Amino acid sequence: MKTALTYFGSLLFFVLVLSSCNKDEEVPDRLIIDGTSFKLTKGYIAGYGIEADDNGDQGSLYDILLASDGVTVDGSDLGGEGQILVMTIFSGSTIELKPGTYNYSDGFIESTLYDAFAADADFDSGTGTGYYTVDGSVTISRSGNTWTIKFDLKMEDDAGSDVVVKGSFSGQLIEVEFS
């Protein structure tokens, strides 16, 4: 009996170790800037209507803003202190932001991540650090009013140093008008 329990215990330990080694644990509602994790608590979306991309294809342009708790959003004015990720996405739909994967492109092309900006800042004083996209992708899905957004971006700071920005957000996106 003791041998069976020892065997079972060893087997269970082995399975747990293997499963934990093979998983890239995802922490929901996080903005991770160069390894430092910040909690995302709110999301906003603004649509700019039907546009034609560089190839003449019709679609719609959207900004998605994800923010931490200390950030306030009033139209295009940001206040408070915290972290944000703003993504400009050109959807291939003229009606809504389509679920799917959007890869970064420095051209204005249908179904791409056109631009993104991340910041860890005090928006009232204008101090902090900003990061600009040079590569990466965003995956968007939707179930009812709940949006799930996963992002894995290569960005640069003002000095040109590479920074990895990744994470996810799941929740409602509040419709706003950014000017």
Foldseek 3Di string as FASTA:
>chain_A
DVVVVVVVVVVVVVVVVVVVVPDPDADAQWKAKQNDTAHWDAKAKEKDAWDAFPVRQIFIKMKMKIWHPQWDDDAQQIAGFAKMKIWIFTENHRPDRDFAKAWEDCGRDHRHGNWMKMWGGHRVVPDTWMKIFDTWMWGWDDDVQKIKIWTWTWTATPVGDTMIITHMYIDGHHYHHHD
